[in-house]
């Protein structure tokens, strides 16, 4: 996440504020993927996790490049995607 005049920081963001700063390490990291999905597939209810906003923010903070994620589209649907870049 980029904030404060271009300074880059990683951690848990909640309501636009860095709540907990955490070091980022790629040592031994294996990307998270769902084997039954292709990019652009609509997400099924069975694969969606509903959590309080603070828990969701903490989970989003853990997503890294090449991880899978469901992205909410302008029509309200959720589709499977792979994270290609982090700013």
N, C-alpha and C. Protein backbone atom coordinates (compact mmCIF):
# COMPACT_ATOMS: atom_id res chain seq x y z
N UNK A 1 0.85 -1.17 0.00
CA UNK A 1 0.00 0.00 0.00
C UNK A 1 0.90 1.23 0.00
N UNK A 2 0.55 2.21 -0.77
CA UNK A 2 1.32 3.46 -0.83
C UNK A 2 0.54 4.53 -0.08
N UNK A 3 1.23 5.23 0.78
CA UNK A 3 0.58 6.31 1.51
C UNK A 3 1.61 7.34 1.93
N UNK A 4 1.18 8.48 2.41
CA UNK A 4 2.03 9.53 2.95
C UNK A 4 3.19 9.89 2.03
N UNK A 5 2.85 10.56 0.91
CA UNK A 5 3.85 11.06 -0.03
C UNK A 5 4.69 9.96 -0.67
N UNK A 6 4.06 8.82 -1.00
CA UNK A 6 4.74 7.77 -1.72
C UNK A 6 5.44 6.73 -0.87
N UNK A 7 5.41 6.85 0.44
CA UNK A 7 6.02 5.86 1.31
C UNK A 7 5.25 4.55 1.19
N UNK A 8 5.97 3.43 1.06
CA UNK A 8 5.33 2.13 0.91
C UNK A 8 5.37 1.39 2.24
N UNK A 9 4.21 0.82 2.62
CA UNK A 9 4.14 0.07 3.86
C UNK A 9 3.20 -1.11 3.69
N UNK A 10 3.48 -2.20 4.38
CA UNK A 10 2.62 -3.38 4.35
C UNK A 10 2.08 -3.61 5.74
N UNK A 11 0.90 -4.16 5.82
CA UNK A 11 0.30 -4.46 7.11
C UNK A 11 -1.19 -4.60 6.97
N UNK A 12 -1.88 -4.47 8.06
CA UNK A 12 -3.33 -4.59 8.06
C UNK A 12 -3.93 -3.20 8.01
N UNK A 13 -4.68 -2.94 6.96
CA UNK A 13 -5.34 -1.65 6.77
C UNK A 13 -6.81 -1.81 7.13
N UNK A 14 -7.35 -0.86 7.85
CA UNK A 14 -8.75 -0.89 8.23
C UNK A 14 -9.32 0.52 8.11
N UNK A 15 -10.37 0.66 7.31
CA UNK A 15 -10.99 1.97 7.06
C UNK A 15 -9.98 3.00 6.58
N UNK A 16 -9.06 2.56 5.70
CA UNK A 16 -8.09 3.47 5.10
C UNK A 16 -6.93 3.86 6.00
N UNK A 17 -6.78 3.23 7.15
CA UNK A 17 -5.72 3.56 8.09
C UNK A 17 -4.89 2.31 8.37
N UNK A 18 -3.56 2.47 8.36
CA UNK A 18 -2.69 1.35 8.68
C UNK A 18 -2.85 1.02 10.15
N UNK A 19 -3.47 -0.14 10.42
CA UNK A 19 -3.80 -0.54 11.79
C UNK A 19 -2.63 -1.27 12.44
N UNK A 20 -2.01 -2.20 11.71
CA UNK A 20 -0.90 -2.99 12.24
C UNK A 20 0.12 -3.17 11.13
N UNK A 21 1.31 -2.66 11.31
CA UNK A 21 2.34 -2.80 10.29
C UNK A 21 3.06 -4.13 10.49
N UNK A 22 3.27 -4.85 9.37
CA UNK A 22 3.90 -6.16 9.44
C UNK A 22 5.00 -6.25 8.40
N UNK A 23 6.12 -6.92 8.73
CA UNK A 23 7.16 -7.12 7.73
C UNK A 23 6.68 -8.10 6.65
N UNK A 24 7.14 -7.90 5.41
CA UNK A 24 6.75 -8.76 4.30
C UNK A 24 7.94 -9.60 3.90
N UNK A 25 7.77 -10.92 3.87
CA UNK A 25 8.83 -11.83 3.48
C UNK A 25 8.27 -12.85 2.50
N UNK A 26 9.04 -13.17 1.45
CA UNK A 26 8.61 -14.15 0.46
C UNK A 26 9.34 -15.48 0.66
N UNK A 27 10.14 -15.63 1.71
CA UNK A 27 10.87 -16.86 1.97
C UNK A 27 9.92 -18.03 2.17
N UNK A 28 10.07 -19.07 1.37
CA UNK A 28 9.26 -20.27 1.52
C UNK A 28 7.79 -20.08 1.18
N UNK A 29 7.46 -19.01 0.48
CA UNK A 29 6.07 -18.69 0.19
C UNK A 29 5.57 -19.49 -1.02
N UNK A 30 4.36 -20.07 -0.89
CA UNK A 30 3.69 -20.78 -1.99
C UNK A 30 2.35 -20.07 -2.22
N UNK A 31 2.09 -19.61 -3.46
CA UNK A 31 0.84 -18.90 -3.73
C UNK A 31 -0.39 -19.76 -3.45
N UNK A 32 -1.46 -19.11 -2.95
CA UNK A 32 -2.72 -19.79 -2.67
C UNK A 32 -3.56 -19.79 -3.95
N UNK A 33 -4.07 -20.96 -4.34
CA UNK A 33 -4.90 -21.10 -5.53
C UNK A 33 -6.06 -22.05 -5.23
N UNK A 34 -7.13 -21.94 -6.00
CA UNK A 34 -8.25 -22.87 -5.94
C UNK A 34 -8.25 -23.67 -7.24
N UNK A 35 -8.03 -24.98 -7.15
CA UNK A 35 -7.82 -25.79 -8.36
C UNK A 35 -9.04 -25.91 -9.28
N UNK A 36 -10.24 -25.68 -8.80
CA UNK A 36 -11.43 -25.85 -9.64
C UNK A 36 -11.86 -24.58 -10.36
N UNK A 37 -11.05 -23.52 -10.29
CA UNK A 37 -11.42 -22.25 -10.91
C UNK A 37 -10.44 -21.85 -12.00
N UNK A 38 -10.98 -21.18 -13.01
CA UNK A 38 -10.20 -20.51 -14.05
C UNK A 38 -10.42 -19.02 -13.87
N UNK A 39 -9.47 -18.20 -14.30
CA UNK A 39 -9.60 -16.75 -14.19
C UNK A 39 -10.90 -16.30 -14.86
N UNK A 40 -11.66 -15.49 -14.15
CA UNK A 40 -12.92 -14.96 -14.67
C UNK A 40 -14.15 -15.76 -14.28
N UNK A 41 -13.97 -16.97 -13.72
CA UNK A 41 -15.12 -17.76 -13.28
C UNK A 41 -15.83 -17.06 -12.13
N UNK A 42 -17.16 -17.14 -12.13
CA UNK A 42 -17.92 -16.58 -11.01
C UNK A 42 -17.72 -17.44 -9.78
N UNK A 43 -17.58 -16.80 -8.62
CA UNK A 43 -17.39 -17.51 -7.36
C UNK A 43 -18.67 -18.17 -6.89
N UNK A 44 -18.53 -19.35 -6.28
CA UNK A 44 -19.69 -20.04 -5.73
C UNK A 44 -19.81 -19.72 -4.24
N UNK A 45 -21.01 -19.82 -3.72
CA UNK A 45 -21.25 -19.53 -2.30
C UNK A 45 -20.38 -20.41 -1.40
N UNK A 46 -20.12 -21.65 -1.81
CA UNK A 46 -19.33 -22.57 -0.99
C UNK A 46 -17.89 -22.11 -0.79
N UNK A 47 -17.38 -21.32 -1.74
CA UNK A 47 -15.99 -20.86 -1.65
C UNK A 47 -15.85 -19.46 -1.07
N UNK A 48 -16.95 -18.82 -0.76
CA UNK A 48 -16.91 -17.48 -0.18
C UNK A 48 -16.91 -17.57 1.34
N UNK A 49 -16.12 -16.72 1.96
CA UNK A 49 -16.05 -16.68 3.42
C UNK A 49 -16.57 -15.31 3.85
N UNK A 50 -17.55 -15.30 4.72
CA UNK A 50 -18.12 -14.05 5.22
C UNK A 50 -17.57 -13.83 6.63
N UNK A 51 -16.84 -12.73 6.82
CA UNK A 51 -16.27 -12.41 8.12
C UNK A 51 -16.50 -10.94 8.43
N UNK A 52 -16.35 -10.55 9.69
CA UNK A 52 -16.45 -9.13 10.03
C UNK A 52 -15.39 -8.32 9.27
N UNK A 53 -15.63 -7.03 9.08
CA UNK A 53 -14.74 -6.18 8.28
C UNK A 53 -13.29 -6.20 8.76
N UNK A 54 -13.06 -6.19 10.05
CA UNK A 54 -11.68 -6.18 10.56
C UNK A 54 -10.95 -7.47 10.18
N UNK A 55 -11.63 -8.62 10.27
CA UNK A 55 -11.02 -9.90 9.87
C UNK A 55 -10.76 -9.93 8.37
N UNK A 56 -11.70 -9.39 7.60
CA UNK A 56 -11.52 -9.32 6.16
C UNK A 56 -10.32 -8.45 5.82
N UNK A 57 -10.17 -7.31 6.47
CA UNK A 57 -9.02 -6.43 6.23
C UNK A 57 -7.72 -7.15 6.55
N UNK A 58 -7.69 -7.92 7.62
CA UNK A 58 -6.48 -8.67 7.99
C UNK A 58 -6.17 -9.73 6.93
N UNK A 59 -7.19 -10.40 6.41
CA UNK A 59 -6.97 -11.42 5.38
C UNK A 59 -6.48 -10.79 4.08
N UNK A 60 -7.06 -9.66 3.69
CA UNK A 60 -6.63 -8.98 2.47
C UNK A 60 -5.18 -8.52 2.59
N UNK A 61 -4.77 -8.12 3.77
CA UNK A 61 -3.38 -7.67 3.98
C UNK A 61 -2.38 -8.80 3.74
N UNK A 62 -2.83 -10.05 3.83
CA UNK A 62 -1.95 -11.20 3.64
C UNK A 62 -1.83 -11.63 2.18
N UNK A 63 -2.66 -11.10 1.29
CA UNK A 63 -2.62 -11.48 -0.12
C UNK A 63 -1.32 -10.98 -0.74
N UNK A 64 -0.70 -11.84 -1.54
CA UNK A 64 0.55 -11.50 -2.21
C UNK A 64 0.42 -11.73 -3.71
N UNK A 65 1.39 -11.24 -4.45
CA UNK A 65 1.43 -11.44 -5.89
C UNK A 65 1.36 -12.94 -6.18
N UNK A 66 0.56 -13.32 -7.17
CA UNK A 66 0.31 -14.69 -7.63
C UNK A 66 -0.69 -15.46 -6.78
N UNK A 67 -1.23 -14.85 -5.72
CA UNK A 67 -2.31 -15.48 -4.97
C UNK A 67 -3.62 -15.35 -5.76
N UNK A 68 -4.54 -16.25 -5.46
CA UNK A 68 -5.88 -16.15 -6.03
C UNK A 68 -6.74 -15.29 -5.12
N UNK A 69 -7.72 -14.62 -5.72
CA UNK A 69 -8.64 -13.79 -4.95
C UNK A 69 -9.95 -13.69 -5.72
N UNK A 70 -11.04 -13.47 -5.01
CA UNK A 70 -12.29 -13.15 -5.66
C UNK A 70 -12.42 -11.63 -5.69
N UNK A 71 -12.73 -11.11 -6.86
CA UNK A 71 -12.81 -9.66 -7.06
C UNK A 71 -14.26 -9.30 -7.32
N UNK A 72 -14.75 -8.29 -6.62
CA UNK A 72 -16.14 -7.86 -6.83
C UNK A 72 -16.20 -6.95 -8.05
N UNK A 73 -17.08 -7.29 -8.96
CA UNK A 73 -17.25 -6.55 -10.21
C UNK A 73 -18.35 -5.51 -10.06
N UNK A 74 -18.42 -4.59 -11.02
CA UNK A 74 -19.39 -3.49 -10.95
C UNK A 74 -20.84 -3.98 -10.96
N UNK A 75 -21.08 -5.18 -11.50
CA UNK A 75 -22.45 -5.71 -11.49
C UNK A 75 -22.79 -6.44 -10.19
N UNK A 76 -21.85 -6.44 -9.22
CA UNK A 76 -22.08 -7.06 -7.92
C UNK A 76 -21.64 -8.52 -7.84
N UNK A 77 -21.25 -9.10 -8.96
CA UNK A 77 -20.79 -10.49 -8.94
C UNK A 77 -19.33 -10.56 -8.47
N UNK A 78 -18.91 -11.77 -8.07
CA UNK A 78 -17.53 -12.00 -7.64
C UNK A 78 -16.88 -12.95 -8.63
N UNK A 79 -15.70 -12.60 -9.14
CA UNK A 79 -15.01 -13.48 -10.08
C UNK A 79 -13.62 -13.82 -9.58
N UNK A 80 -13.14 -14.98 -10.00
CA UNK A 80 -11.84 -15.50 -9.60
C UNK A 80 -10.75 -14.76 -10.37
N UNK A 81 -9.71 -14.37 -9.67
CA UNK A 81 -8.60 -13.64 -10.30
C UNK A 81 -7.29 -14.04 -9.63
N UNK A 82 -6.19 -13.71 -10.28
CA UNK A 82 -4.85 -13.90 -9.74
C UNK A 82 -4.23 -12.52 -9.58
N UNK A 83 -3.69 -12.23 -8.40
CA UNK A 83 -3.06 -10.94 -8.11
C UNK A 83 -1.77 -10.86 -8.94
N UNK A 84 -1.64 -9.83 -9.75
CA UNK A 84 -0.47 -9.68 -10.60
C UNK A 84 0.48 -8.59 -10.14
N UNK A 85 0.04 -7.68 -9.30
CA UNK A 85 0.91 -6.59 -8.86
C UNK A 85 0.36 -6.01 -7.57
N UNK A 86 1.24 -5.51 -6.75
CA UNK A 86 0.85 -4.78 -5.55
C UNK A 86 1.53 -3.43 -5.58
N UNK A 87 0.81 -2.42 -5.18
CA UNK A 87 1.37 -1.07 -5.17
C UNK A 87 1.68 -0.66 -3.76
